[in-house]
Amino acid sequence: MPSEVRRLVFFHSELSDALKRYGEKYNVNFPEGKILKAKLASGAEYELHTQKSQPQELSQQYNVKDIKSSIIVTFFNESTFEHKYFNLTSEFVAAALIQYCLDSKIPLPRNGKKKLDLTEFNACLDIIIEDEEGGSLELEFD
């Protein structure tokens, strides 16, 4: 059975909405403004991160690949021209995007393996669904 790969692409405006809504659950207040950039930080920043202690039930429940890294999100307030940087765990960002999908009625298979990816202008959730045995398709030629 072949594997299925699906990519959900979130614009920065959607990422901002997802983070702010999800942050309310954990009393994380994000700055006003729009997201200019989201990028992976070094592994050392993850090791010292205080958010690691927060519950990650959505990431575990929805089979998100464990990536031990931090993500630096840059917010820009157009009225004050201020840049504010927010350091988040990849688990927090993935959980925020999953909750955003659930709230927006975007179907997500629980058993599909999910991986967070960042591009220059988007945050992405890659979903890989394999056959029941988890194997790959083998072809024979005569």
Protein backbone atom coordinates (compact mmCIF):
# COMPACT_ATOMS: atom_id res chain seq x y z
CA MET A 1 0.00 0.00 0.00
CA PRO A 2 1.49 3.41 -0.91
CA SER A 3 1.94 6.15 1.65
CA GLU A 4 0.01 9.39 1.46
CA VAL A 5 1.67 12.72 2.11
CA ARG A 6 -0.37 15.83 2.76
CA ARG A 7 0.93 19.34 3.49
CA LEU A 8 -1.12 21.99 5.23
CA VAL A 9 0.36 25.43 4.58
CA PHE A 10 -0.42 28.26 7.02
CA PHE A 11 0.24 31.88 6.12
CA HIS A 12 1.77 34.02 8.86
CA SER A 13 -1.62 35.61 9.53
CA GLU A 14 -3.06 32.15 10.25
CA LEU A 15 -0.06 31.23 12.38
CA SER A 16 -0.54 34.42 14.37
CA ASP A 17 -4.22 33.65 14.90
CA ALA A 18 -3.42 30.07 15.92
CA LEU A 19 -0.70 31.11 18.39
CA LYS A 20 -2.80 33.84 20.00
CA ARG A 21 -5.84 31.57 20.43
CA TYR A 22 -3.79 28.66 21.74
CA GLY A 23 -1.70 30.96 23.95
CA GLU A 24 -4.83 32.08 25.81
CA LYS A 25 -5.18 28.53 27.19
CA TYR A 26 -1.75 28.77 28.85
CA ASN A 27 -1.76 32.48 29.72
CA VAL A 28 0.81 33.26 27.03
CA ASN A 29 0.21 36.79 25.79
CA PHE A 30 1.60 37.55 22.37
CA PRO A 31 2.37 41.10 21.24
CA GLU A 32 0.12 43.05 18.94
CA GLY A 33 1.02 43.08 15.30
CA LYS A 34 1.62 40.65 12.52
CA ILE A 35 4.20 37.92 12.18
CA LEU A 36 7.05 38.83 9.86
CA LYS A 37 9.12 35.69 10.25
CA ALA A 38 9.29 32.34 12.04
CA LYS A 39 12.60 30.45 12.06
CA LEU A 40 14.23 27.55 13.84
CA ALA A 41 16.58 28.44 16.67
CA SER A 42 19.57 26.49 17.95
CA GLY A 43 19.27 23.38 20.10
CA ALA A 44 20.82 25.17 23.07
CA GLU A 45 17.89 27.58 23.21
CA TYR A 46 15.53 24.61 23.47
CA GLU A 47 17.43 23.08 26.39
CA LEU A 48 16.94 26.24 28.48
CA HIS A 49 13.33 26.78 27.38
CA THR A 50 10.74 27.18 30.14
CA GLN A 51 7.83 26.07 27.93
CA LYS A 52 9.03 22.46 27.90
CA SER A 53 7.15 21.98 31.18
CA GLN A 54 3.78 22.82 29.61
CA PRO A 55 1.48 19.91 28.78
CA GLN A 56 1.82 18.74 25.20
CA GLU A 57 -1.32 16.60 25.01
CA LEU A 58 -2.32 17.72 21.52
CA SER A 59 1.12 16.99 20.08
CA GLN A 60 1.06 13.50 21.59
CA GLN A 61 -2.59 12.81 20.83
CA TYR A 62 -2.17 13.80 17.17
CA ASN A 63 1.12 11.96 16.58
CA VAL A 64 3.46 14.93 16.02
CA LYS A 65 7.08 13.99 15.39
CA ASP A 66 9.11 15.07 18.39
CA ILE A 67 11.43 17.88 17.32
CA LYS A 68 13.49 19.23 20.17
CA SER A 69 13.94 22.77 18.95
CA SER A 70 12.82 26.31 19.54
CA ILE A 71 11.18 28.58 17.06
CA ILE A 72 11.73 32.33 17.11
CA VAL A 73 8.68 34.25 15.91
CA THR A 74 9.10 37.92 14.98
CA PHE A 75 6.06 40.17 15.49
CA PHE A 76 5.89 43.63 13.93
CA ASN A 77 3.55 46.31 15.25
CA GLU A 78 2.73 48.70 12.40
CA SER A 79 1.51 51.49 14.68
CA THR A 80 4.66 51.61 16.86
CA PHE A 81 7.15 50.16 14.32
CA GLU A 82 8.41 47.77 17.01
CA HIS A 83 9.79 44.31 16.39
CA LYS A 84 9.22 41.81 19.19
CA TYR A 85 10.75 38.36 19.27
CA PHE A 86 9.04 35.39 20.87
CA ASN A 87 10.84 32.11 21.55
CA LEU A 88 8.48 29.10 21.43
CA THR A 89 8.94 25.34 21.46
CA SER A 90 8.15 23.47 18.27
CA GLU A 91 5.62 21.41 20.28
CA PHE A 92 3.73 24.59 21.23
CA VAL A 93 3.60 25.78 17.62
CA ALA A 94 2.51 22.35 16.32
CA ALA A 95 -0.19 22.10 18.99
CA ALA A 96 -1.42 25.61 18.14
CA LEU A 97 -1.71 24.69 14.46
CA ILE A 98 -3.53 21.43 15.30
CA GLN A 99 -5.99 23.31 17.51
CA TYR A 100 -6.46 25.85 14.71
CA CYS A 101 -7.32 22.99 12.33
CA LEU A 102 -9.78 21.50 14.80
CA ASP A 103 -11.45 24.88 15.39
CA SER A 104 -11.62 25.53 11.63
CA LYS A 105 -13.04 22.04 10.88
CA ILE A 106 -9.99 21.05 8.84
CA PRO A 107 -9.83 17.23 9.02
CA LEU A 108 -6.69 15.75 10.59
CA PRO A 109 -6.12 12.00 10.81
CA ARG A 110 -4.96 11.12 14.33
CA ASN A 111 -2.84 8.20 13.17
CA GLY A 112 -0.97 10.15 10.48
CA LYS A 113 2.55 11.17 11.46
CA LYS A 114 2.80 14.94 11.61
CA LYS A 115 5.90 17.08 11.26
CA LEU A 116 6.21 20.83 11.63
CA ASP A 117 8.16 22.61 8.90
CA LEU A 118 8.93 26.29 8.35
CA THR A 119 9.46 27.99 5.03
CA GLU A 120 10.35 31.61 4.46
CA PHE A 121 6.73 32.77 4.42
CA ASN A 122 4.72 29.87 5.87
CA ALA A 123 4.41 27.35 8.65
CA CYS A 124 3.55 23.85 7.43
CA LEU A 125 2.21 20.65 8.94
CA ASP A 126 3.26 17.63 6.91
CA ILE A 127 1.04 14.58 7.42
CA ILE A 128 2.26 11.12 6.39
CA ILE A 129 -0.18 8.23 6.35
CA GLU A 130 1.32 4.78 5.81
CA ASP A 131 -0.30 1.37 5.40
CA GLU A 132 -1.21 -0.63 8.51
CA GLU A 133 2.13 -2.47 8.54
CA GLY A 134 4.05 0.80 8.21
CA GLY A 135 5.96 -0.60 5.27
CA SER A 136 6.59 0.75 1.84
CA LEU A 137 5.31 -0.40 -1.50
CA GLU A 138 7.47 -3.02 -3.22
CA LEU A 139 7.19 -3.51 -6.97
CA GLU A 140 8.23 -6.59 -8.94
CA PHE A 141 9.10 -6.42 -12.61
CA ASP A 142 9.21 -9.37 -15.03
